[in-house]
Amino acid sequence: MSVQELVEKALIGEHVSVESLIGHLRPLILSSMKRYGGIGGFDEDAYSEGVLIVLESLKEFDKDKGVHYLGFIKVKLKHYFLNRSRKNKNIYSLDAPVDKDEELTYLDTIVDKLVDIPGYCVNKEEVIHIKEAINALTKTQREIIEDYYFNDMTLNDIGIKRNIHLVSVAKIKASALKKLRKKLKYIC
């Protein structure tokens, strides 16, 4: 018996035809569950709800409107399972533990791509070595390097501040840089 004949008999209330129609529509219900509801495997509750949609659709279906029942029920199942999946979406918190036994949260597992931990550690090590090398300079050399590189002063401004000639400031800076290069040669 065709689906259309089963629908016509089910519409007049034949219980055997209703059961047979549900059997014929089982693959459609299962595929709608999987495609639109995101339900993998077999979920008895979802299948039962799909059968209820088929039974309710028999009450709503009007064959005089010229619509085929299979198209009608397919749309009904699609919309039902789409709405069901939207309502049943799980909301996860980033503060929720990954495992019940652990204190590790989902937030802890997210990698921050902006932070370069190995690079940060290397830079931190380099900074320590640079500070040690700067501290090995004489007081005058250290102050001139700090004024020039960290305080953005020109050689002329440094000379005026220290009351020494510009050429002397340039020579002290050059010898300080030479010492720093020698100390930092193996690091950089």
N, C-alpha and C. Protein backbone atom coordinates (compact mmCIF):
# COMPACT_ATOMS: atom_id res chain seq x y z
N MET A 1 0.85 -1.18 0.00
CA MET A 1 0.00 0.00 0.00
C MET A 1 0.90 1.25 0.00
N SER A 2 0.56 2.25 -0.80
CA SER A 2 1.37 3.46 -0.90
C SER A 2 1.13 4.38 0.31
N VAL A 3 2.04 5.30 0.49
CA VAL A 3 1.93 6.24 1.60
C VAL A 3 0.66 7.08 1.45
N GLN A 4 0.33 7.48 0.22
CA GLN A 4 -0.85 8.31 0.00
C GLN A 4 -2.13 7.56 0.38
N GLU A 5 -2.18 6.28 0.05
CA GLU A 5 -3.36 5.47 0.42
C GLU A 5 -3.45 5.31 1.93
N LEU A 6 -2.27 5.10 2.58
CA LEU A 6 -2.25 4.97 4.04
C LEU A 6 -2.73 6.26 4.71
N VAL A 7 -2.32 7.39 4.15
CA VAL A 7 -2.72 8.69 4.70
C VAL A 7 -4.23 8.85 4.59
N GLU A 8 -4.79 8.51 3.43
CA GLU A 8 -6.24 8.66 3.24
C GLU A 8 -7.02 7.79 4.21
N LYS A 9 -6.56 6.55 4.44
CA LYS A 9 -7.24 5.67 5.39
C LYS A 9 -7.03 6.13 6.82
N ALA A 10 -5.81 6.67 7.11
CA ALA A 10 -5.53 7.16 8.47
C ALA A 10 -6.37 8.39 8.77
N LEU A 11 -6.64 9.19 7.75
CA LEU A 11 -7.45 10.39 7.94
C LEU A 11 -8.90 10.06 8.32
N ILE A 12 -9.39 8.90 7.89
CA ILE A 12 -10.76 8.52 8.26
C ILE A 12 -10.79 7.72 9.56
N GLY A 13 -9.59 7.50 10.16
CA GLY A 13 -9.55 6.91 11.49
C GLY A 13 -9.20 5.44 11.56
N GLU A 14 -8.67 4.85 10.51
CA GLU A 14 -8.27 3.44 10.54
C GLU A 14 -6.98 3.29 11.34
N HIS A 15 -7.04 2.62 12.49
CA HIS A 15 -5.87 2.49 13.37
C HIS A 15 -4.74 1.68 12.74
N VAL A 16 -5.07 0.65 11.98
CA VAL A 16 -4.05 -0.18 11.33
C VAL A 16 -3.28 0.66 10.32
N SER A 17 -3.98 1.50 9.60
CA SER A 17 -3.33 2.38 8.61
C SER A 17 -2.43 3.39 9.31
N VAL A 18 -2.84 3.90 10.46
CA VAL A 18 -2.02 4.86 11.21
C VAL A 18 -0.71 4.19 11.64
N GLU A 19 -0.81 2.96 12.17
CA GLU A 19 0.39 2.24 12.59
C GLU A 19 1.30 1.94 11.41
N SER A 20 0.71 1.54 10.31
CA SER A 20 1.48 1.24 9.10
C SER A 20 2.15 2.51 8.56
N LEU A 21 1.43 3.63 8.61
CA LEU A 21 1.99 4.92 8.16
C LEU A 21 3.20 5.31 9.01
N ILE A 22 3.08 5.12 10.32
CA ILE A 22 4.20 5.44 11.22
C ILE A 22 5.40 4.56 10.87
N GLY A 23 5.15 3.28 10.57
CA GLY A 23 6.24 2.39 10.15
C GLY A 23 6.89 2.85 8.86
N HIS A 24 6.08 3.31 7.91
CA HIS A 24 6.62 3.81 6.64
C HIS A 24 7.42 5.11 6.83
N LEU A 25 6.99 5.92 7.79
CA LEU A 25 7.65 7.22 8.01
C LEU A 25 8.82 7.15 8.99
N ARG A 26 9.08 5.97 9.55
CA ARG A 26 10.19 5.82 10.51
C ARG A 26 11.53 6.34 9.95
N PRO A 27 11.93 5.97 8.71
CA PRO A 27 13.20 6.50 8.19
C PRO A 27 13.21 8.04 8.08
N LEU A 28 12.06 8.61 7.73
CA LEU A 28 11.97 10.08 7.64
C LEU A 28 12.12 10.72 9.02
N ILE A 29 11.48 10.12 10.02
CA ILE A 29 11.58 10.64 11.39
C ILE A 29 13.03 10.56 11.87
N LEU A 30 13.67 9.41 11.64
CA LEU A 30 15.07 9.23 12.08
C LEU A 30 16.02 10.18 11.36
N SER A 31 15.82 10.35 10.06
CA SER A 31 16.72 11.27 9.33
C SER A 31 16.49 12.72 9.75
N SER A 32 15.25 13.08 10.04
CA SER A 32 14.96 14.44 10.52
C SER A 32 15.58 14.68 11.89
N MET A 33 15.53 13.64 12.74
CA MET A 33 16.16 13.75 14.06
C MET A 33 17.65 14.03 13.91
N LYS A 34 18.27 13.27 13.02
CA LYS A 34 19.73 13.38 12.84
C LYS A 34 20.11 14.69 12.15
N ARG A 35 19.40 15.02 11.07
CA ARG A 35 19.76 16.19 10.27
C ARG A 35 19.44 17.51 10.97
N TYR A 36 18.27 17.61 11.55
CA TYR A 36 17.83 18.90 12.09
C TYR A 36 17.92 18.99 13.61
N GLY A 37 17.96 17.86 14.26
CA GLY A 37 17.99 17.87 15.72
C GLY A 37 19.36 17.64 16.30
N GLY A 38 20.32 17.27 15.44
CA GLY A 38 21.67 17.00 15.93
C GLY A 38 21.73 15.80 16.85
N ILE A 39 20.78 14.88 16.68
CA ILE A 39 20.71 13.72 17.56
C ILE A 39 21.37 12.55 16.84
N GLY A 40 22.53 12.12 17.34
CA GLY A 40 23.21 10.97 16.76
C GLY A 40 22.72 9.70 17.41
N GLY A 41 22.78 8.59 16.68
CA GLY A 41 22.32 7.34 17.26
C GLY A 41 20.81 7.32 17.35
N PHE A 42 20.27 6.54 18.26
CA PHE A 42 18.83 6.43 18.42
C PHE A 42 18.43 6.96 19.78
N ASP A 43 17.58 7.97 19.78
CA ASP A 43 17.07 8.56 21.01
C ASP A 43 15.57 8.25 21.06
N GLU A 44 15.19 7.38 21.97
CA GLU A 44 13.80 6.92 22.07
C GLU A 44 12.84 8.08 22.29
N ASP A 45 13.22 9.03 23.15
CA ASP A 45 12.34 10.18 23.43
C ASP A 45 12.12 11.02 22.17
N ALA A 46 13.20 11.30 21.46
CA ALA A 46 13.08 12.13 20.25
C ALA A 46 12.25 11.40 19.20
N TYR A 47 12.45 10.09 19.07
CA TYR A 47 11.65 9.33 18.10
C TYR A 47 10.17 9.36 18.48
N SER A 48 9.88 9.19 19.77
CA SER A 48 8.48 9.23 20.22
C SER A 48 7.85 10.59 19.94
N GLU A 49 8.63 11.65 20.13
CA GLU A 49 8.13 12.99 19.83
C GLU A 49 7.87 13.15 18.33
N GLY A 50 8.74 12.54 17.51
CA GLY A 50 8.53 12.56 16.06
C GLY A 50 7.26 11.84 15.67
N VAL A 51 6.99 10.70 16.33
CA VAL A 51 5.74 9.96 16.07
C VAL A 51 4.54 10.81 16.46
N LEU A 52 4.65 11.53 17.59
CA LEU A 52 3.56 12.42 18.00
C LEU A 52 3.31 13.51 16.97
N ILE A 53 4.38 14.02 16.37
CA ILE A 53 4.24 15.05 15.33
C ILE A 53 3.48 14.45 14.14
N VAL A 54 3.80 13.19 13.79
CA VAL A 54 3.08 12.53 12.69
C VAL A 54 1.60 12.41 13.02
N LEU A 55 1.29 11.98 14.25
CA LEU A 55 -0.11 11.82 14.66
C LEU A 55 -0.85 13.16 14.67
N GLU A 56 -0.20 14.21 15.18
CA GLU A 56 -0.82 15.54 15.19
C GLU A 56 -1.01 16.07 13.78
N SER A 57 -0.04 15.75 12.90
CA SER A 57 -0.14 16.26 11.53
C SER A 57 -1.33 15.65 10.79
N LEU A 58 -1.72 14.43 11.19
CA LEU A 58 -2.90 13.82 10.56
C LEU A 58 -4.15 14.64 10.87
N LYS A 59 -4.20 15.25 12.04
CA LYS A 59 -5.35 16.08 12.41
C LYS A 59 -5.32 17.42 11.67
N GLU A 60 -4.11 17.93 11.41
CA GLU A 60 -3.96 19.25 10.77
C GLU A 60 -4.00 19.19 9.25
N PHE A 61 -3.65 18.04 8.69
CA PHE A 61 -3.50 17.93 7.23
C PHE A 61 -4.85 18.09 6.53
N ASP A 62 -4.83 18.91 5.48
CA ASP A 62 -6.04 19.13 4.67
C ASP A 62 -5.69 18.76 3.23
N LYS A 63 -6.20 17.60 2.78
CA LYS A 63 -5.85 17.12 1.44
C LYS A 63 -6.47 17.98 0.34
N ASP A 64 -7.46 18.78 0.69
CA ASP A 64 -8.11 19.64 -0.30
C ASP A 64 -7.25 20.84 -0.72
N LYS A 65 -6.19 21.11 0.02
CA LYS A 65 -5.32 22.25 -0.31
C LYS A 65 -4.32 21.91 -1.41
N GLY A 66 -4.28 20.65 -1.82
CA GLY A 66 -3.41 20.26 -2.93
C GLY A 66 -1.95 20.03 -2.54
N VAL A 67 -1.70 19.86 -1.27
CA VAL A 67 -0.33 19.62 -0.79
C VAL A 67 -0.17 18.13 -0.54
N HIS A 68 0.96 17.57 -0.96
CA HIS A 68 1.23 16.16 -0.70
C HIS A 68 1.58 15.98 0.77
N TYR A 69 1.10 14.90 1.34
CA TYR A 69 1.31 14.65 2.77
C TYR A 69 2.80 14.51 3.10
N LEU A 70 3.56 13.84 2.24
CA LEU A 70 4.99 13.64 2.54
C LEU A 70 5.73 14.98 2.64
N GLY A 71 5.41 15.91 1.75
CA GLY A 71 6.02 17.24 1.83
C GLY A 71 5.60 17.96 3.10
N PHE A 72 4.33 17.83 3.43
CA PHE A 72 3.78 18.47 4.63
C PHE A 72 4.46 17.94 5.90
N ILE A 73 4.54 16.60 6.03
CA ILE A 73 5.10 16.02 7.25
C ILE A 73 6.61 16.26 7.33
N LYS A 74 7.26 16.30 6.17
CA LYS A 74 8.71 16.56 6.17
C LYS A 74 9.00 17.95 6.74
N VAL A 75 8.24 18.95 6.34
CA VAL A 75 8.41 20.31 6.85
C VAL A 75 8.08 20.38 8.33
N LYS A 76 7.00 19.70 8.74
CA LYS A 76 6.62 19.69 10.17
C LYS A 76 7.74 19.10 11.03
N LEU A 77 8.28 17.95 10.59
CA LEU A 77 9.36 17.30 11.36
C LEU A 77 10.62 18.18 11.39
N LYS A 78 10.92 18.77 10.25
CA LYS A 78 12.11 19.64 10.18
C LYS A 78 11.99 20.77 11.20
N HIS A 79 10.89 21.48 11.18
CA HIS A 79 10.72 22.62 12.09
C HIS A 79 10.65 22.18 13.55
N TYR A 80 10.02 21.04 13.79
CA TYR A 80 9.94 20.57 15.17
C TYR A 80 11.34 20.27 15.72
N PHE A 81 12.14 19.51 14.96
CA PHE A 81 13.46 19.13 15.47
C PHE A 81 14.43 20.32 15.51
N LEU A 82 14.28 21.27 14.59
CA LEU A 82 15.10 22.49 14.67
C LEU A 82 14.79 23.27 15.94
N ASN A 83 13.51 23.45 16.23
CA ASN A 83 13.11 24.16 17.45
C ASN A 83 13.53 23.40 18.70
N ARG A 84 13.39 22.08 18.66
CA ARG A 84 13.77 21.25 19.81
C ARG A 84 15.26 21.38 20.10
N SER A 85 16.08 21.33 19.04
CA SER A 85 17.53 21.42 19.26
C SER A 85 17.93 22.82 19.74
N ARG A 86 17.22 23.85 19.26
CA ARG A 86 17.53 25.21 19.70
C ARG A 86 17.20 25.38 21.18
N LYS A 87 16.09 24.79 21.64
CA LYS A 87 15.69 24.90 23.04
C LYS A 87 16.56 24.07 23.96
N ASN A 88 17.08 22.95 23.44
CA ASN A 88 17.85 22.03 24.28
C ASN A 88 19.35 22.24 24.21
N LYS A 89 19.79 23.32 23.59
CA LYS A 89 21.23 23.55 23.51
C LYS A 89 21.81 23.69 24.90
N ASN A 90 22.93 23.00 25.10
CA ASN A 90 23.61 23.10 26.38
C ASN A 90 24.41 24.38 26.42
N ILE A 91 24.36 25.05 27.52
CA ILE A 91 25.14 26.27 27.71
C ILE A 91 26.30 25.91 28.62
N TYR A 92 27.49 26.06 28.08
CA TYR A 92 28.68 25.71 28.84
C TYR A 92 29.30 26.97 29.42
N SER A 93 29.80 26.85 30.61
CA SER A 93 30.49 27.95 31.26
C SER A 93 31.98 27.70 31.17
N LEU A 94 32.73 28.74 30.89
CA LEU A 94 34.19 28.60 30.86
C LEU A 94 34.76 28.35 32.24
N ASP A 95 33.98 28.67 33.27
CA ASP A 95 34.43 28.44 34.64
C ASP A 95 34.08 27.04 35.14
N ALA A 96 33.37 26.27 34.33
CA ALA A 96 32.99 24.91 34.74
C ALA A 96 34.21 24.00 34.68
N PRO A 97 34.31 23.06 35.60
CA PRO A 97 35.46 22.14 35.57
C PRO A 97 35.39 21.22 34.35
N VAL A 98 36.56 20.91 33.80
CA VAL A 98 36.64 20.02 32.65
C VAL A 98 36.21 18.62 33.07
N ASP A 99 36.69 18.17 34.21
CA ASP A 99 36.34 16.87 34.79
C ASP A 99 35.77 17.11 36.17
N LYS A 100 34.92 16.23 36.62
CA LYS A 100 34.34 16.40 37.95
C LYS A 100 35.40 16.27 39.03
N ASP A 101 36.45 15.48 38.75
CA ASP A 101 37.47 15.22 39.76
C ASP A 101 38.59 16.26 39.76
N GLU A 102 38.65 17.11 38.74
CA GLU A 102 39.75 18.06 38.62
C GLU A 102 39.29 19.48 38.89
N GLU A 103 40.26 20.32 39.19
CA GLU A 103 39.96 21.75 39.39
C GLU A 103 40.21 22.54 38.11
N LEU A 104 40.70 21.89 37.06
CA LEU A 104 40.99 22.53 35.78
C LEU A 104 39.68 22.94 35.11
N THR A 105 39.59 24.22 34.70
CA THR A 105 38.38 24.72 34.04
C THR A 105 38.62 24.83 32.54
N TYR A 106 37.53 25.02 31.79
CA TYR A 106 37.66 25.20 30.35
C TYR A 106 38.47 26.45 30.03
N LEU A 107 38.34 27.48 30.85
CA LEU A 107 39.08 28.72 30.64
C LEU A 107 40.59 28.48 30.73
N ASP A 108 40.99 27.55 31.61
CA ASP A 108 42.41 27.23 31.76
C ASP A 108 42.98 26.55 30.53
N THR A 109 42.13 25.93 29.72
CA THR A 109 42.62 25.18 28.56
C THR A 109 42.73 26.04 27.30
N ILE A 110 42.24 27.26 27.34
CA ILE A 110 42.30 28.14 26.18
C ILE A 110 43.69 28.76 26.10
N VAL A 111 44.29 28.65 24.93
CA VAL A 111 45.64 29.16 24.72
C VAL A 111 45.56 30.61 24.27
N ASP A 112 46.31 31.48 24.94
CA ASP A 112 46.37 32.89 24.56
C ASP A 112 47.47 33.03 23.53
N LYS A 113 47.09 33.27 22.27
CA LYS A 113 48.07 33.34 21.19
C LYS A 113 48.86 34.65 21.21
N LEU A 114 48.38 35.62 21.97
CA LEU A 114 49.07 36.90 22.03
C LEU A 114 50.27 36.87 22.96
N VAL A 115 50.27 35.93 23.90
CA VAL A 115 51.36 35.84 24.86
C VAL A 115 52.36 34.80 24.38
N ASP A 116 53.59 35.23 24.21
CA ASP A 116 54.66 34.33 23.78
C ASP A 116 55.48 33.96 25.00
N ILE A 117 55.10 32.89 25.69
CA ILE A 117 55.75 32.50 26.95
C ILE A 117 57.24 32.22 26.74
N PRO A 118 57.62 31.38 25.75
CA PRO A 118 59.06 31.15 25.58
C PRO A 118 59.81 32.44 25.24
N GLY A 119 59.20 33.27 24.37
CA GLY A 119 59.84 34.54 24.02
C GLY A 119 59.94 35.46 25.22
N TYR A 120 58.91 35.45 26.05
CA TYR A 120 58.91 36.27 27.26
C TYR A 120 60.04 35.85 28.19
N CYS A 121 60.21 34.54 28.35
CA CYS A 121 61.27 34.04 29.23
C CYS A 121 62.65 34.40 28.69
N VAL A 122 62.82 34.27 27.36
CA VAL A 122 64.11 34.61 26.75
C VAL A 122 64.37 36.10 26.93
N ASN A 123 63.36 36.93 26.67
CA ASN A 123 63.54 38.37 26.83
C ASN A 123 63.86 38.73 28.28
N LYS A 124 63.22 38.06 29.22
CA LYS A 124 63.47 38.31 30.63
C LYS A 124 64.91 37.97 30.98
N GLU A 125 65.40 36.84 30.44
CA GLU A 125 66.80 36.44 30.66
C GLU A 125 67.74 37.48 30.05
N GLU A 126 67.43 37.92 28.84
CA GLU A 126 68.27 38.91 28.18
C GLU A 126 68.31 40.21 28.98
N VAL A 127 67.17 40.63 29.50
CA VAL A 127 67.11 41.86 30.30
C VAL A 127 68.00 41.73 31.53
N ILE A 128 67.97 40.57 32.16
CA ILE A 128 68.82 40.35 33.35
C ILE A 128 70.28 40.49 32.97
N HIS A 129 70.69 39.87 31.85
CA HIS A 129 72.09 39.96 31.41
C HIS A 129 72.47 41.38 31.02
N ILE A 130 71.56 42.09 30.38
CA ILE A 130 71.84 43.49 29.99
C ILE A 130 72.01 44.35 31.23
N LYS A 131 71.15 44.16 32.23
CA LYS A 131 71.28 44.93 33.47
C LYS A 131 72.62 44.64 34.15
N GLU A 132 73.01 43.37 34.17
CA GLU A 132 74.30 43.01 34.76
C GLU A 132 75.45 43.67 34.01
N ALA A 133 75.36 43.68 32.67
CA ALA A 133 76.41 44.30 31.86
C ALA A 133 76.45 45.80 32.08
N ILE A 134 75.29 46.45 32.19
CA ILE A 134 75.26 47.90 32.44
C ILE A 134 75.83 48.22 33.81
N ASN A 135 75.54 47.38 34.80
CA ASN A 135 76.07 47.61 36.15
C ASN A 135 77.58 47.43 36.20
N ALA A 136 78.17 46.74 35.22
CA ALA A 136 79.62 46.55 35.18
C ALA A 136 80.34 47.78 34.62
N LEU A 137 79.59 48.72 34.04
CA LEU A 137 80.19 49.95 33.52
C LEU A 137 80.56 50.88 34.67
N THR A 138 81.41 51.85 34.34
CA THR A 138 81.72 52.88 35.34
C THR A 138 80.47 53.73 35.53
N LYS A 139 80.47 54.51 36.63
CA LYS A 139 79.30 55.33 36.94
C LYS A 139 79.02 56.32 35.81
N THR A 140 80.03 56.95 35.28
CA THR A 140 79.87 57.94 34.21
C THR A 140 79.34 57.28 32.95
N GLN A 141 79.95 56.13 32.57
CA GLN A 141 79.50 55.41 31.38
C GLN A 141 78.02 55.00 31.52
N ARG A 142 77.67 54.45 32.67
CA ARG A 142 76.30 53.99 32.91
C ARG A 142 75.32 55.16 32.80
N GLU A 143 75.65 56.31 33.42
CA GLU A 143 74.76 57.46 33.39
C GLU A 143 74.58 58.01 31.98
N ILE A 144 75.66 58.02 31.20
CA ILE A 144 75.56 58.51 29.81
C ILE A 144 74.70 57.56 28.97
N ILE A 145 74.88 56.25 29.12
CA ILE A 145 74.06 55.26 28.39
C ILE A 145 72.59 55.40 28.79
N GLU A 146 72.33 55.53 30.09
CA GLU A 146 70.95 55.68 30.56
C GLU A 146 70.31 56.96 30.03
N ASP A 147 71.07 58.07 30.07
CA ASP A 147 70.52 59.34 29.56
C ASP A 147 70.25 59.26 28.06
N TYR A 148 71.17 58.66 27.32
CA TYR A 148 71.04 58.61 25.86
C TYR A 148 69.92 57.66 25.42
N TYR A 149 69.90 56.44 25.95
CA TYR A 149 68.95 55.42 25.47
C TYR A 149 67.62 55.40 26.22
N PHE A 150 67.63 55.68 27.50
CA PHE A 150 66.40 55.56 28.28
C PHE A 150 65.71 56.91 28.53
N ASN A 151 66.48 57.98 28.58
CA ASN A 151 65.90 59.31 28.82
C ASN A 151 65.82 60.14 27.55
N ASP A 152 66.19 59.56 26.40
CA ASP A 152 66.12 60.21 25.08
C ASP A 152 66.81 61.57 25.03
N MET A 153 67.95 61.67 25.67
CA MET A 153 68.72 62.92 25.61
C MET A 153 69.73 62.83 24.48
N THR A 154 70.03 63.98 23.87
CA THR A 154 71.05 64.01 22.83
C THR A 154 72.42 64.07 23.49
N LEU A 155 73.47 63.77 22.71
CA LEU A 155 74.84 63.84 23.24
C LEU A 155 75.16 65.27 23.69
N ASN A 156 74.67 66.24 22.95
CA ASN A 156 74.90 67.64 23.31
C ASN A 156 74.25 67.97 24.65
N ASP A 157 72.99 67.51 24.87
CA ASP A 157 72.29 67.75 26.13
C ASP A 157 73.01 67.08 27.30
N ILE A 158 73.53 65.88 27.05
CA ILE A 158 74.26 65.16 28.11
C ILE A 158 75.53 65.93 28.47
N GLY A 159 76.22 66.46 27.43
CA GLY A 159 77.44 67.24 27.67
C GLY A 159 77.15 68.49 28.49
N ILE A 160 76.05 69.17 28.19
CA ILE A 160 75.68 70.38 28.94
C ILE A 160 75.34 70.00 30.37
N LYS A 161 74.58 68.92 30.54
CA LYS A 161 74.18 68.48 31.88
C LYS A 161 75.41 68.12 32.73
N ARG A 162 76.41 67.47 32.12
CA ARG A 162 77.58 66.99 32.88
C ARG A 162 78.74 68.00 32.84
N ASN A 163 78.54 69.04 32.07
CA ASN A 163 79.57 70.07 31.96
C ASN A 163 80.85 69.51 31.35
N ILE A 164 80.68 68.67 30.30
CA ILE A 164 81.83 68.15 29.56
C ILE A 164 81.56 68.33 28.07
N HIS A 165 82.64 68.29 27.28
CA HIS A 165 82.55 68.55 25.86
C HIS A 165 81.80 67.42 25.14
N LEU A 166 81.14 67.76 24.05
CA LEU A 166 80.36 66.82 23.24
C LEU A 166 81.22 65.65 22.76
N VAL A 167 82.46 65.92 22.34
CA VAL A 167 83.35 64.85 21.86
C VAL A 167 83.67 63.87 22.99
N SER A 168 83.86 64.38 24.20
CA SER A 168 84.14 63.51 25.35
C SER A 168 82.94 62.61 25.64
N VAL A 169 81.73 63.17 25.55
CA VAL A 169 80.52 62.37 25.77
C VAL A 169 80.45 61.25 24.73
N ALA A 170 80.76 61.58 23.45
CA ALA A 170 80.71 60.59 22.38
C ALA A 170 81.73 59.48 22.62
N LYS A 171 82.96 59.85 23.11
CA LYS A 171 84.00 58.85 23.37
C LYS A 171 83.61 57.94 24.54
N ILE A 172 83.04 58.53 25.60
CA ILE A 172 82.62 57.73 26.77
C ILE A 172 81.50 56.77 26.35
N LYS A 173 80.57 57.28 25.55
CA LYS A 173 79.47 56.43 25.08
C LYS A 173 80.01 55.30 24.21
N ALA A 174 80.96 55.60 23.32
CA ALA A 174 81.53 54.57 22.44
C ALA A 174 82.26 53.50 23.24
N SER A 175 83.02 53.89 24.25
CA SER A 175 83.74 52.89 25.06
C SER A 175 82.77 52.07 25.90
N ALA A 176 81.67 52.69 26.36
CA ALA A 176 80.66 51.95 27.13
C ALA A 176 79.98 50.91 26.24
N LEU A 177 79.65 51.30 25.02
CA LEU A 177 79.03 50.35 24.09
C LEU A 177 79.97 49.21 23.74
N LYS A 178 81.26 49.52 23.62
CA LYS A 178 82.25 48.49 23.33
C LYS A 178 82.29 47.47 24.46
N LYS A 179 82.28 47.96 25.72
CA LYS A 179 82.27 47.07 26.89
C LYS A 179 80.99 46.22 26.91
N LEU A 180 79.86 46.86 26.62
CA LEU A 180 78.59 46.13 26.62
C LEU A 180 78.58 45.04 25.54
N ARG A 181 79.08 45.36 24.34
CA ARG A 181 79.13 44.35 23.28
C ARG A 181 80.00 43.17 23.68
N LYS A 182 81.11 43.49 24.32
CA LYS A 182 82.03 42.42 24.75
C LYS A 182 81.35 41.52 25.79
N LYS A 183 80.65 42.14 26.74
CA LYS A 183 79.98 41.36 27.80
C LYS A 183 78.79 40.57 27.25
N LEU A 184 78.10 41.15 26.29
CA LEU A 184 76.87 40.54 25.78
C LEU A 184 77.09 39.72 24.50
N LYS A 185 78.34 39.57 24.08
CA LYS A 185 78.65 38.87 22.84
C LYS A 185 78.10 37.45 22.83
N TYR A 186 78.14 36.76 23.93
CA TYR A 186 77.73 35.36 23.98
C TYR A 186 76.23 35.20 24.19
N ILE A 187 75.56 36.26 24.54
CA ILE A 187 74.12 36.19 24.84
C ILE A 187 73.30 36.45 23.59
N CYS A 188 73.60 37.51 22.87
CA CYS A 188 72.77 37.91 21.72
C CYS A 188 73.25 37.31 20.43
